[in-house]
Protein backbone atom coordinates (compact mmCIF):
# COMPACT_ATOMS: atom_id res chain seq x y z
CA MET A 1 -15.18 16.64 -14.47
CA ASP A 2 -11.82 15.39 -14.77
CA LEU A 3 -9.70 18.16 -13.25
CA LYS A 4 -6.39 16.70 -12.94
CA ARG A 5 -6.18 16.75 -17.13
CA ILE A 6 -8.08 20.32 -17.28
CA ILE A 7 -4.96 21.41 -14.89
CA ALA A 8 -2.04 19.08 -16.69
CA PHE A 9 -3.42 20.49 -20.55
CA ASN A 10 -3.98 24.11 -19.33
CA LEU A 11 -0.49 24.38 -18.18
CA ALA A 12 1.26 23.06 -20.60
CA GLY A 13 -0.37 25.31 -22.66
CA LEU A 14 0.59 28.15 -20.75
CA VAL A 15 3.92 27.27 -20.42
CA LEU A 16 3.82 27.53 -24.44
CA LEU A 17 2.85 31.10 -23.91
CA LEU A 18 5.31 31.54 -20.96
CA SER A 19 8.48 30.75 -23.51
CA TRP A 20 7.54 32.40 -26.34
CA ALA A 21 6.80 35.45 -24.55
CA LEU A 22 9.21 35.95 -22.03
CA PRO A 23 12.73 37.38 -22.67
CA HIS A 24 14.16 33.90 -23.18
CA GLY A 25 11.82 32.97 -25.50
CA LEU A 26 14.42 33.31 -28.24
CA PRO A 27 15.04 30.02 -28.82
CA TRP A 28 11.48 29.68 -30.62
CA THR A 29 12.82 32.86 -32.92
CA ASP A 30 15.65 30.73 -33.15
CA LEU A 31 14.13 28.10 -34.48
CA ASP A 32 11.70 29.97 -36.80
CA ASP A 33 14.36 31.31 -38.31
CA ARG A 34 16.11 28.05 -38.83
CA ILE A 35 12.99 26.17 -39.98
CA PHE A 36 11.57 28.73 -42.68
CA TRP A 37 15.56 28.86 -44.44
CA ALA A 38 15.85 25.11 -44.18
CA PHE A 39 12.69 24.73 -46.55
CA ASN A 40 12.96 28.26 -48.31
CA GLN A 41 16.07 27.29 -50.21
CA TRP A 42 15.02 24.84 -52.46
CA ILE A 43 12.39 27.68 -53.49
CA THR A 44 14.71 28.34 -56.78
CA PRO A 45 13.71 28.21 -60.65
CA GLU A 46 15.56 24.30 -60.92
CA ASN A 47 13.47 22.71 -58.60
CA GLY A 48 10.63 22.59 -60.76
CA LEU A 49 8.78 19.14 -59.29
CA TRP A 50 9.56 20.51 -55.55
CA ASN A 51 8.41 23.70 -56.43
CA ASP A 52 4.96 23.03 -58.34
CA THR A 53 4.18 20.16 -55.74
CA LEU A 54 3.97 22.63 -52.69
CA ALA A 55 2.18 25.38 -54.39
CA LEU A 56 -0.26 22.86 -55.43
CA LEU A 57 0.34 21.71 -50.91
CA ASN A 58 -0.85 25.12 -50.20
CA THR A 59 -4.26 25.42 -52.75
CA ARG A 60 -7.86 25.89 -51.53
CA PHE A 61 -7.99 22.26 -53.42
CA PHE A 62 -5.81 21.42 -50.77
CA ASP A 63 -7.75 22.76 -48.40
CA ALA A 64 -10.36 20.97 -49.56
CA ALA A 65 -8.57 17.55 -49.56
CA SER A 66 -7.73 17.57 -45.50
CA PHE A 67 -11.31 18.40 -44.77
CA GLY A 68 -11.91 15.23 -46.80
CA VAL A 69 -9.44 13.44 -44.71
CA MET A 70 -11.23 14.79 -41.84
CA GLY A 71 -14.19 13.44 -43.08
CA VAL A 72 -13.03 9.47 -43.47
CA LEU A 73 -11.14 9.68 -40.18
CA PHE A 74 -14.62 10.33 -39.13
CA ALA A 75 -16.63 8.01 -41.04
CA VAL A 76 -14.08 5.25 -39.71
CA ALA A 77 -14.43 6.69 -36.45
CA MET A 78 -17.75 6.04 -36.01
CA ARG A 79 -17.88 2.76 -38.50
CA ARG A 80 -15.66 0.99 -35.19
CA ASP A 81 -18.04 2.67 -32.86
CA PRO A 82 -20.23 -0.65 -31.10
CA ARG A 83 -22.47 1.30 -29.71
CA PRO A 84 -26.27 1.31 -30.89
CA ASP A 85 -27.45 4.37 -32.43
CA ARG A 86 -23.91 5.04 -33.57
CA VAL A 87 -25.15 7.30 -36.53
CA ARG A 88 -27.59 9.96 -34.43
CA ARG A 89 -23.79 9.90 -32.03
CA TRP A 90 -21.54 11.53 -34.06
CA PHE A 91 -24.04 13.06 -35.47
CA GLY A 92 -23.59 14.72 -32.36
CA ILE A 93 -20.54 15.23 -31.81
CA GLY A 94 -20.20 15.95 -35.46
CA VAL A 95 -22.18 19.05 -33.98
CA THR A 96 -20.54 19.57 -30.86
CA MET A 97 -17.57 19.74 -32.64
CA LEU A 98 -18.41 22.70 -35.34
CA LEU A 99 -20.05 24.43 -32.54
CA THR A 100 -16.31 23.84 -30.09
CA ALA A 101 -14.67 25.60 -33.65
CA GLY A 102 -16.47 28.24 -34.17
CA VAL A 103 -17.03 29.48 -30.76
CA ILE A 104 -13.18 29.54 -30.19
CA ALA A 105 -12.48 30.39 -33.42
CA VAL A 106 -14.16 33.98 -32.37
CA VAL A 107 -13.22 34.02 -29.39
CA THR A 108 -9.42 34.17 -30.33
CA ASN A 109 -10.07 36.71 -33.00
CA LYS A 110 -11.47 38.85 -30.26
CA ALA A 111 -9.35 38.55 -27.72
CA ILE A 112 -5.78 38.34 -29.66
CA THR A 113 -4.58 41.98 -30.70
CA TYR A 114 -1.31 40.38 -31.59
CA GLY A 115 -0.28 39.48 -34.96
CA HIS A 116 3.16 39.32 -37.26
CA PRO A 117 3.67 38.68 -40.69
CA SER A 118 4.88 35.54 -42.28
CA PRO A 119 8.37 34.84 -42.69
CA THR A 120 8.27 35.36 -46.69
CA ARG A 121 6.97 38.79 -45.69
CA PHE A 122 9.13 39.46 -42.69
CA PHE A 123 12.47 38.62 -44.97
CA ALA A 124 12.89 41.18 -47.82
CA HIS A 125 15.21 38.57 -49.76
CA ALA A 126 13.32 35.57 -48.65
CA ALA A 127 12.63 33.07 -51.86
CA HIS A 128 8.37 33.61 -52.82
CA LEU A 129 6.87 30.63 -54.11
CA THR A 130 4.12 32.49 -56.39
CA ASP A 131 7.13 34.22 -58.40
CA ILE A 132 8.05 30.82 -59.78
CA VAL A 133 4.85 29.07 -60.29
CA SER A 134 1.75 29.75 -62.47
CA ILE A 135 0.03 27.76 -59.89
CA PRO A 136 -2.64 30.19 -57.74
CA THR A 137 -1.28 29.47 -54.21
CA LYS A 138 -0.60 30.91 -50.79
CA ASP A 139 2.87 32.01 -49.86
CA SER A 140 3.08 34.72 -47.28
CA ALA A 141 -0.17 36.36 -44.63
CA SER A 142 0.06 40.17 -43.41
CA ASN A 143 -0.87 37.74 -39.96
CA SER A 144 -0.24 34.59 -39.69
CA PHE A 145 -0.30 34.22 -35.96
CA PRO A 146 -2.11 32.02 -34.75
CA GLY A 147 -1.68 29.27 -37.21
CA ASP A 148 -5.74 28.70 -37.58
CA HIS A 149 -5.74 25.93 -40.12
CA GLY A 150 -3.60 24.02 -37.38
CA LEU A 151 -6.31 24.96 -35.07
CA MET A 152 -9.16 23.37 -36.39
CA LEU A 153 -7.11 20.40 -37.05
CA MET A 154 -5.86 20.53 -33.59
CA ILE A 155 -10.00 20.64 -32.39
CA PHE A 156 -10.25 17.90 -35.16
CA ALA A 157 -7.81 16.06 -33.19
CA GLY A 158 -9.13 16.21 -29.57
CA PHE A 159 -12.13 14.94 -30.62
CA MET A 160 -11.05 11.90 -31.98
CA LEU A 161 -8.95 11.20 -28.87
CA ARG A 162 -11.99 12.01 -26.31
CA PHE A 163 -14.87 10.32 -28.64
CA ALA A 164 -12.83 7.87 -31.54
CA ASP A 165 -10.73 4.45 -30.83
CA ARG A 166 -7.36 4.10 -30.67
CA ARG A 167 -6.12 3.88 -33.67
CA THR A 168 -7.87 6.29 -35.60
CA ALA A 169 -7.12 8.83 -33.37
CA GLY A 170 -3.91 8.21 -33.74
CA TRP A 171 -4.00 8.65 -37.31
CA SER A 172 -5.58 12.19 -36.39
CA VAL A 173 -2.60 13.47 -34.05
CA ALA A 174 -0.41 12.39 -37.10
CA PHE A 175 -2.57 14.13 -39.84
CA VAL A 176 -2.47 17.35 -37.47
CA MET A 177 1.52 17.12 -38.63
CA LEU A 178 1.19 16.15 -42.01
CA LEU A 179 -1.25 18.95 -43.00
CA SER A 180 -0.33 21.66 -41.23
CA ALA A 181 3.64 21.17 -42.49
CA PRO A 182 2.99 22.81 -46.10
CA ARG A 183 2.14 26.12 -44.55
CA ILE A 184 5.17 25.94 -42.89
CA MET A 185 7.24 24.83 -46.06
CA VAL A 186 6.19 27.32 -48.04
CA GLY A 187 6.32 30.34 -45.06
CA ALA A 188 3.14 31.29 -45.27
CA HIS A 189 3.58 30.13 -41.59
CA TRP A 190 6.23 30.71 -38.93
CA PHE A 191 6.43 27.31 -36.80
CA SER A 192 5.41 28.94 -33.93
CA ASP A 193 2.50 30.48 -35.28
CA VAL A 194 1.18 26.40 -35.63
CA TYR A 195 3.06 24.66 -32.88
CA MET A 196 3.21 27.11 -30.31
CA GLY A 197 0.15 29.54 -30.54
CA ALA A 198 -2.45 26.86 -31.77
CA LEU A 199 -1.45 24.73 -29.86
CA SER A 200 -1.31 27.45 -26.69
CA ILE A 201 -4.78 27.63 -27.72
CA ALA A 202 -5.65 24.44 -28.10
CA LEU A 203 -4.56 23.29 -24.71
CA LEU A 204 -5.96 25.98 -22.92
CA ALA A 205 -9.78 25.80 -24.40
CA LEU A 206 -10.36 22.24 -25.41
CA PRO A 207 -9.64 20.85 -22.05
CA TRP A 208 -12.87 23.29 -20.44
CA VAL A 209 -15.10 21.26 -22.92
CA LEU A 210 -13.52 17.96 -23.58
CA CYS A 211 -12.92 16.83 -19.52
CA THR A 212 -16.03 17.88 -18.89
CA PRO A 213 -19.05 17.20 -19.20
CA VAL A 214 -19.85 20.21 -22.45
CA ALA A 215 -19.44 17.64 -25.02
CA THR A 216 -21.25 14.66 -23.55
CA THR A 217 -23.92 16.75 -22.71
CA VAL A 218 -24.10 18.72 -25.89
CA THR A 219 -23.95 15.50 -28.13
CA THR A 220 -26.52 14.01 -25.99
CA LEU A 221 -29.12 16.68 -26.67
CA VAL A 222 -28.33 16.93 -30.45
CA GLN A 223 -28.63 13.08 -30.13
CA ARG A 224 -31.50 13.14 -28.07
CA GLY A 225 -33.70 15.42 -31.00
CA LEU A 226 -32.59 13.42 -33.41
CA SER A 227 -34.35 10.29 -32.16
CA ARG A 228 -37.54 10.66 -33.89
CA LEU A 229 -36.14 11.11 -37.37
CA PRO A 230 -35.46 7.95 -39.85
CA LEU A 231 -31.78 7.40 -39.27
CA PRO A 232 -29.79 4.50 -39.84
CA ARG A 233 -28.24 2.89 -36.87
C-alpha cells in the first residue's frame, strides 16, 4: 500500500471540494460562467459548420467513438506489455476497471444528493444548439453534476497510469480532456462538473483501488480463473 500517494491524492480531492463548497469558492462560478459564454456566443445560425461539428461531438455516436478510443488505447497497452500471459492479465485489468467504475457510479449516485442544471438550462437567454441544428444531439441536462462522462474517462486514465506504459498512459490522460470537452463546449456541463466534481471523486476514490493491493489482487484472481482457458498469450 502506497499510503503517501493515497494521502496526497485524497488531500488534493478534498482541497478541490473545499475550494468549491466554501464561500470563497466564487472563482469556480466565475470560471464556469466565462467558459460557458466563451463557447455559447459561437452558437448562432451563421456558424453552420461549427454548429454541425459541435452537434456531432455530442451524439451517442461520439460517445460510442469515445469508448472505441479507450478500446484502442487498452489494446495498445496490452500489445506493449512485455509480460508473459499478457492477454489474461489485461482481461483481468479490464474486469477490475469495470467493477471499479460500477461501484463508484453506484456510490456516487447514492451518496451525492446535490445537483444543479446545466448552464443552458440555468441561463434563460442561452443559445441552444438543438434549436439550430437538425442533428439529434444533447445540449442540456436537468442535473449535470458531477460530470459522469468525465468521471468514467478519468477512471480509465487512472488504470492506464497504474498498469500501462508511460506513453499510453499519457495519451489516456490527454483524451480525458479531449473527450470531455464537447459536453462543456455545448453547455451540457459546467466546467466545474468535470474538473471539480468528477476529478475530486476520482482523486478520493481511485487511490484506494490503485494504490492498494485491491486492483492487483482482483486482476490476479481473474487471471488465475482464466488460466485454464485456451487464450492466446
